[in-house]
Protein backbone atom coordinates (compact mmCIF):
# COMPACT_ATOMS: atom_id res chain seq x y z
CA MET A 1 17.01 -8.03 18.24
CA GLY A 2 15.46 -5.77 20.80
CA VAL A 3 12.07 -4.30 21.66
CA ARG A 4 11.49 -0.63 22.64
CA GLY A 5 8.52 1.21 24.45
CA ARG A 6 7.81 14.79 -1.72
CA VAL A 7 0.11 37.35 -36.88
CA GLY A 8 0.86 35.60 -39.63
CA GLY A 9 4.10 34.20 -40.94
CA ARG A 10 7.44 34.71 -39.22
CA ARG A 11 6.19 37.21 -36.60
CA ALA A 12 3.59 34.73 -35.36
CA ALA A 13 6.19 32.00 -35.04
CA VAL A 14 8.51 34.30 -33.09
CA ALA A 15 5.69 35.45 -30.83
CA GLY A 16 4.73 31.86 -30.15
CA ALA A 17 8.31 30.94 -29.30
CA VAL A 18 8.57 33.87 -26.90
CA ALA A 19 5.34 32.85 -25.21
CA VAL A 20 6.64 29.32 -24.75
CA LEU A 21 9.91 30.61 -23.29
CA LEU A 22 8.06 32.87 -20.87
CA SER A 23 5.74 30.12 -19.72
CA THR A 24 8.67 27.76 -19.28
CA ALA A 25 10.65 30.31 -17.34
CA ALA A 26 7.73 30.84 -15.01
CA CYS A 27 7.81 27.18 -14.09
CA SER A 28 11.44 26.21 -13.90
CA GLY A 29 14.42 26.56 -11.64
CA ALA A 30 14.10 29.10 -8.87
CA GLY A 31 10.85 30.40 -10.40
CA CYS A 32 9.05 27.08 -10.07
CA SER A 33 5.88 27.52 -8.05
CA PHE A 34 4.35 24.05 -8.39
CA ASP A 35 3.12 22.69 -5.07
CA ASP A 36 2.43 18.95 -4.99
CA CYS A 37 0.90 19.14 -1.52
CA PRO A 38 -1.04 22.41 -1.14
CA GLU A 39 -2.88 23.32 2.01
CA VAL A 40 -6.54 22.25 2.20
CA SER A 41 -8.97 24.59 3.91
CA ALA A 42 -11.84 23.40 6.05
CA THR A 43 -14.32 24.23 3.26
CA GLU A 44 -12.28 22.15 0.77
CA ALA A 45 -11.89 19.14 3.04
CA GLY A 46 -13.01 15.84 1.56
CA PRO A 47 -16.24 14.39 3.01
CA VAL A 48 -16.16 10.92 4.53
CA THR A 49 -19.33 9.02 5.44
CA GLY A 50 -20.06 5.74 7.20
CA ALA A 51 -23.04 3.45 6.58
CA ASP A 52 -24.17 0.47 8.63
CA PRO A 53 -24.81 -2.98 7.07
CA SER A 54 -28.35 -1.91 6.06
CA GLY A 55 -26.93 0.99 4.01
CA ALA A 56 -28.12 3.72 6.37
CA VAL A 57 -25.62 6.57 6.75
CA ARG A 58 -24.76 6.89 10.43
CA TRP A 59 -22.02 9.50 10.46
CA THR A 60 -20.33 12.13 8.30
CA THR A 61 -16.99 13.81 8.84
CA SER A 62 -14.32 15.51 6.73
CA VAL A 63 -10.57 15.18 6.30
CA PRO A 64 -8.59 18.29 5.23
CA ASP A 65 -6.02 16.52 3.09
CA LEU A 66 -5.26 15.19 -0.41
CA LEU A 67 -4.91 11.48 -1.19
CA SER A 68 -1.41 10.18 -1.85
CA GLU A 69 -2.35 6.48 -1.93
CA PRO A 70 -5.56 4.44 -2.22
CA PRO A 71 -7.21 4.03 1.23
CA VAL A 72 -7.26 0.58 2.84
CA VAL A 73 -9.46 -1.15 5.41
CA SER A 74 -7.70 -2.49 8.47
CA ASN A 75 -9.46 -4.14 11.42
CA GLY A 76 -12.47 -1.84 11.75
CA HIS A 77 -10.63 1.24 10.50
CA VAL A 78 -9.91 2.95 7.19
CA VAL A 79 -6.36 4.19 6.71
CA ILE A 80 -6.30 7.34 4.56
CA VAL A 81 -2.81 8.34 3.48
CA GLY A 82 -2.80 12.06 2.74
CA CYS A 83 0.11 14.18 1.56
CA HIS A 84 0.09 16.07 4.87
CA ALA A 85 -0.53 13.17 7.26
CA THR A 86 -2.06 9.72 7.63
CA HIS A 87 -5.59 9.64 9.05
CA VAL A 88 -7.20 6.59 10.65
CA VAL A 89 -11.01 6.57 10.60
CA ASP A 90 -13.11 4.27 12.79
CA VAL A 91 -15.71 2.67 10.49
CA THR A 92 -18.54 2.57 13.04
CA SER A 93 -18.07 5.87 14.89
CA GLY A 94 -16.36 8.11 12.33
CA SER A 95 -13.75 9.23 14.83
CA VAL A 96 -10.50 10.29 13.16
CA SER A 97 -7.03 9.74 14.60
CA THR A 98 -3.84 11.19 13.15
CA PRO A 99 -0.75 9.36 14.46
CA THR A 100 2.05 11.81 15.15
CA GLY A 101 4.95 9.44 15.81
CA LEU A 102 4.63 7.43 12.60
CA ALA A 103 5.92 8.45 9.17
CA ASP A 104 3.83 5.74 7.49
CA VAL A 105 0.94 3.59 8.73
CA ILE A 106 0.66 0.00 7.51
CA GLY A 107 -2.52 -0.78 9.41
CA VAL A 108 -4.27 -1.10 12.77
CA VAL A 109 -3.74 -3.94 15.24
CA GLN A 110 -5.70 -4.20 18.50
CA GLY A 111 -6.22 -0.45 18.80
CA TYR A 112 -2.69 0.51 17.72
CA ALA A 113 -1.61 2.19 14.49
CA VAL A 114 1.49 0.36 13.26
CA GLY A 115 4.08 1.54 10.77
CA ALA A 116 7.42 3.19 10.19
CA PRO A 117 8.57 5.47 13.00
CA ALA A 118 8.94 9.19 12.26
CA GLU A 119 12.28 9.17 14.04
CA GLY A 120 14.85 6.56 15.01
CA ASP A 121 16.04 3.30 13.49
CA ALA A 122 13.21 0.98 14.51
CA VAL A 123 11.83 -1.39 11.88
CA LEU A 124 8.28 -0.84 13.17
CA ALA A 125 6.56 1.26 15.79
CA ALA A 126 3.07 1.17 17.30
CA GLU A 127 1.04 4.14 18.57
CA ARG A 128 -2.25 4.05 20.43
CA LEU A 129 -5.16 5.43 18.41
CA ASP A 130 -6.79 6.93 21.49
CA GLY A 131 -3.73 9.06 22.12
CA GLY A 132 -2.98 7.39 25.43
CA PRO A 133 0.50 6.54 26.64
CA GLY A 134 2.20 3.35 25.62
CA GLY A 135 3.39 1.77 22.41
CA TRP A 136 6.07 -0.49 21.05
CA SER A 137 8.92 -0.51 18.58
CA TRP A 138 11.00 -3.26 17.03
CA GLN A 139 14.67 -2.73 16.27
CA GLU A 140 17.33 -5.02 14.85
CA SER A 141 21.02 -4.71 15.64
CA PRO A 142 23.04 -4.00 13.60
CA VAL A 143 20.67 -1.72 11.70
CA ASP A 144 19.99 -2.68 8.06
CA GLY A 145 18.08 0.17 6.42
CA ASP A 146 17.49 -1.67 3.12
CA ALA A 147 16.05 -4.73 4.86
CA ASP A 148 13.88 -2.56 7.10
CA ARG A 149 12.46 -0.59 4.15
CA ALA A 150 11.78 -3.82 2.28
CA TYR A 151 9.94 -5.18 5.32
CA ARG A 152 7.66 -2.13 5.54
CA ALA A 153 7.03 -2.21 1.77
CA SER A 154 5.90 -5.85 1.96
CA ALA A 155 4.07 -5.78 5.29
CA VAL A 156 0.33 -6.26 5.77
CA VAL A 157 -1.88 -6.47 8.83
CA SER A 158 -4.03 -9.38 9.99
CA SER A 159 -6.47 -9.13 12.91
CA THR A 160 -3.72 -9.90 15.41
CA ALA A 161 -0.36 -9.13 13.81
CA VAL A 162 1.67 -7.25 11.25
CA VAL A 163 3.47 -9.56 8.81
CA GLY A 164 6.30 -8.77 6.38
CA VAL A 165 9.48 -10.14 4.84
CA ARG A 166 12.92 -9.03 6.00
CA GLY A 167 15.66 -10.55 3.87
CA GLN A 168 14.51 -14.13 3.38
CA THR A 169 12.58 -14.37 6.62
CA LEU A 170 8.87 -13.79 7.07
CA VAL A 171 8.36 -12.05 10.41
CA ALA A 172 5.00 -11.63 12.16
CA TRP A 173 4.73 -9.33 15.20
CA SER A 174 1.77 -9.34 17.59
CA PRO A 175 1.21 -7.10 20.63
CA ASP A 176 0.63 -9.27 23.68
CA SER A 177 0.76 -8.27 27.35
CA GLY A 178 2.63 -5.04 26.71
CA SER A 179 5.29 -6.49 24.39
CA TRP A 180 5.75 -7.71 20.84
CA ASP A 181 5.82 -11.47 20.34
CA SER A 182 7.34 -12.56 17.03
CA VAL A 183 6.98 -15.56 14.75
CA GLU A 184 9.66 -16.14 12.10
CA VAL A 185 9.55 -18.41 9.05
CA ALA A 186 12.54 -18.95 6.72
CA LEU A 187 11.70 -18.57 3.00
CA PRO A 188 13.46 -20.15 -0.01
CA VAL A 189 13.48 -16.70 -1.72
CA GLY A 190 12.85 -13.11 -0.67
CA THR A 191 9.74 -11.13 -1.52
CA ARG A 192 9.28 -9.17 -4.76
CA SER A 193 10.49 -5.62 -4.21
CA GLY A 194 7.71 -3.12 -3.57
CA GLN A 195 4.91 -5.72 -3.51
CA ARG A 196 2.81 -6.40 -0.43
CA LEU A 197 1.88 -9.79 0.96
CA ALA A 198 -1.71 -11.02 1.23
CA ALA A 199 -2.93 -12.13 4.67
CA ALA A 200 -5.91 -14.43 4.17
CA ASP A 201 -6.40 -14.89 7.93
CA ASP A 202 -4.38 -14.87 11.14
CA THR A 203 -2.27 -17.86 10.15
CA HIS A 204 -2.18 -18.02 6.33
CA VAL A 205 -0.10 -15.54 4.34
CA VAL A 206 0.72 -15.46 0.63
CA VAL A 207 4.10 -14.10 -0.48
CA PRO A 208 4.97 -12.80 -3.99
CA GLY A 209 8.44 -14.27 -4.39
CA SER A 210 11.42 -12.41 -5.80
CA ASP A 211 11.82 -15.10 -8.49
CA GLY A 212 8.21 -14.80 -9.70
CA SER A 213 6.91 -17.72 -7.66
CA VAL A 214 4.03 -17.49 -5.16
CA LEU A 215 4.46 -19.00 -1.70
CA GLY A 216 1.97 -19.97 0.99
CA VAL A 217 3.07 -19.65 4.61
CA ASP A 218 1.30 -21.19 7.60
CA LEU A 219 2.27 -19.13 10.65
CA ALA A 220 0.85 -21.70 13.06
CA ALA A 221 3.10 -24.39 11.57
CA ARG A 222 5.91 -21.88 11.02
CA ALA A 223 6.50 -23.29 7.54
CA VAL A 224 6.12 -22.71 3.81
CA THR A 225 3.36 -25.18 2.94
CA TRP A 226 3.06 -24.66 -0.83
CA ARG A 227 4.77 -22.91 -3.73
CA VAL A 228 3.55 -22.17 -7.28
CA LEU A 229 6.22 -21.46 -9.90
CA PRO A 230 5.75 -19.02 -12.80
CA THR A 231 5.12 -20.38 -16.30
CA ARG A 232 8.37 -18.83 -17.50
CA PRO A 233 10.79 -19.03 -14.57
CA ASP A 234 13.57 -17.34 -16.52
CA ALA A 235 11.65 -14.20 -17.44
CA PRO A 236 9.20 -12.80 -14.85
CA THR A 237 9.59 -9.07 -14.31
CA ASP A 238 7.07 -8.63 -11.53
CA VAL A 239 4.47 -10.52 -9.51
CA SER A 240 1.73 -9.32 -7.18
CA VAL A 241 -0.90 -10.93 -4.96
CA ARG A 242 -4.08 -9.50 -3.46
CA LEU A 243 -7.11 -10.81 -1.64
CA ALA A 244 -10.03 -11.54 -3.97
CA GLY A 245 -12.52 -13.01 -1.51
CA ARG A 246 -12.46 -15.20 1.54
CA ASP A 247 -9.37 -17.43 1.47
CA VAL A 248 -8.82 -16.59 -2.21
CA VAL A 249 -5.87 -14.67 -3.61
CA ALA A 250 -5.58 -13.18 -7.10
CA VAL A 251 -2.15 -13.44 -8.72
CA GLU A 252 -0.66 -11.37 -11.53
CA VAL A 253 2.72 -12.11 -13.14
CA TRP A 254 4.23 -9.79 -15.76
CA TYR A 255 6.72 -10.76 -18.48
CA PRO A 256 8.35 -8.39 -20.98
CA ARG A 257 7.09 -9.19 -24.49
CA THR A 258 9.37 -6.72 -26.21
CA THR A 259 11.61 -3.85 -25.29
CA ALA A 260 10.38 -1.85 -28.29
CA ALA A 261 7.92 0.93 -27.49
CA ALA A 262 4.28 0.34 -28.30
CA VAL A 263 2.11 2.91 -30.09
CA THR A 264 1.62 4.65 -26.75
CA GLY A 265 5.36 4.92 -26.25
CA GLU A 266 5.37 2.27 -23.51
CA PRO A 267 6.71 -1.32 -23.47
CA VAL A 268 4.37 -4.20 -24.22
CA TRP A 269 3.92 -6.78 -21.47
CA VAL A 270 2.48 -10.26 -21.25
CA THR A 271 0.41 -10.75 -18.11
CA GLU A 272 -0.78 -13.97 -16.48
CA ARG A 273 -3.72 -13.75 -14.10
CA TRP A 274 -5.32 -16.47 -12.00
CA SER A 275 -6.61 -17.10 -8.48
CA LEU A 276 -5.72 -19.70 -5.92
CA ASP A 277 -6.64 -20.96 -2.48
CA ALA A 278 -4.53 -19.08 0.04
CA ARG A 279 -4.38 -22.06 2.38
CA THR A 280 -3.55 -24.85 -0.06
CA GLY A 281 -2.26 -23.16 -3.22
CA GLU A 282 -4.85 -25.02 -5.30
CA THR A 283 -6.03 -23.20 -8.44
CA ARG A 284 -9.45 -21.59 -8.16
CA SER A 285 -9.53 -20.08 -11.65
CA PRO A 286 -7.36 -21.00 -14.65
CA ARG A 287 -4.48 -18.85 -15.84
CA VAL A 288 -5.48 -16.23 -18.40
CA THR A 289 -2.82 -14.57 -20.53
CA SER A 290 -3.12 -11.13 -22.10
CA SER A 291 -0.75 -8.57 -23.59
CA GLY A 292 -0.62 -4.79 -23.67
CA THR A 293 0.82 -1.85 -21.80
CA ARG A 294 0.94 -2.08 -18.06
CA PRO A 295 -1.64 0.16 -16.34
CA ARG A 296 -0.32 3.11 -14.41
CA PRO A 297 -1.23 3.31 -10.72
CA THR A 298 -3.86 5.90 -9.94
CA THR A 299 -5.14 7.55 -6.80
CA PRO A 300 -8.90 6.88 -6.80
CA THR A 301 -11.43 9.28 -5.37
CA GLY A 302 -15.00 8.53 -4.30
CA ASP A 303 -13.94 5.12 -3.00
CA VAL A 304 -16.46 2.93 -1.19
CA LEU A 305 -14.63 0.63 1.21
CA ARG A 306 -16.30 -2.24 3.05
CA ASP A 307 -15.09 -3.62 6.35
CA PRO A 308 -15.67 -7.40 6.17
CA ALA A 309 -15.64 -7.78 9.95
CA THR A 310 -18.48 -5.35 10.70
CA GLY A 311 -20.29 -5.05 7.35
CA TRP A 312 -20.04 -1.25 7.55
CA THR A 313 -18.98 0.78 4.51
CA VAL A 314 -17.01 4.00 4.39
CA THR A 315 -17.16 6.37 1.42
CA GLN A 316 -14.38 8.92 1.08
CA GLN A 317 -14.32 11.74 -1.48
CA LEU A 318 -10.93 13.31 -0.96
CA ARG A 319 -9.27 14.82 -3.99
CA GLY A 320 -6.06 13.26 -5.26
CA ARG A 321 -2.70 14.83 -4.71
CA PRO A 322 -1.56 17.03 -7.68
CA ARG A 323 0.63 15.19 -10.18
CA GLY A 324 3.20 16.94 -12.32
CA GLY A 325 5.78 19.60 -11.66
CA CYS A 326 8.05 22.19 -13.21
CA PHE A 327 10.42 21.47 -16.05
């Protein structure tokens, strides 16, 4: 491991068929003109505003982009993932930074945007938000692209580090004195593919396990301190965790109820939801079971995001990226 610094009767039917063929031809093959990431002019840019803890609006700016993912709050900044670029907005000043050396931004740590590098084989890279020189990257040898992608897909940011799972090891990286210092904790299972961890604080992290279990990791002790197994260990299809208040994590586990399509044409799922203490694993709310179709992810607009550290709120009104295409 080393460290480096997207008109009646038959005639009407025939006319309708021709119209359908023409419309299809206009949007297929070489004639397809659908653009899932069109340019956004300055007059179409989405407004972004910041309000102090009293609710008074202190700044207004705009971002000429379209949302690809829901924005997130990260250590005094809001990370807005647009289809053209990722924009990092300071919650108290409204200043906007657009990292150029990162293909994806996980979050902000101590003034650095951290994420996947635009070029090279590094697992992570860090770029200064003020545009100044300096930064870090983490690279494993030999390179394992699958493990690196899984790490980035699971990683979250605490106030001092970026934490993710690579293989069956939880790895936390913190910038300190011009280098990255790592903490590693072996896990009994890997993380659930495509699901992010939940960092309750600088030392307590909750991992959605690949087997449907939920694990609590204490970085200070460098150990897994608790584990909650799913109700049906043989059947879980997916599990996710997210912060639901101070030191509290909400858990969702999905099980397939049937492979037959529901009325909507989608499978029916059984979902368990409950909350637990991120530090001890103790249940905070009982498990509630429901069934139905699984909700599709959406890209919200008009989001109001609150930074818990400063009490400031940021409201963004960017339009969502176009969905669809040519067939």
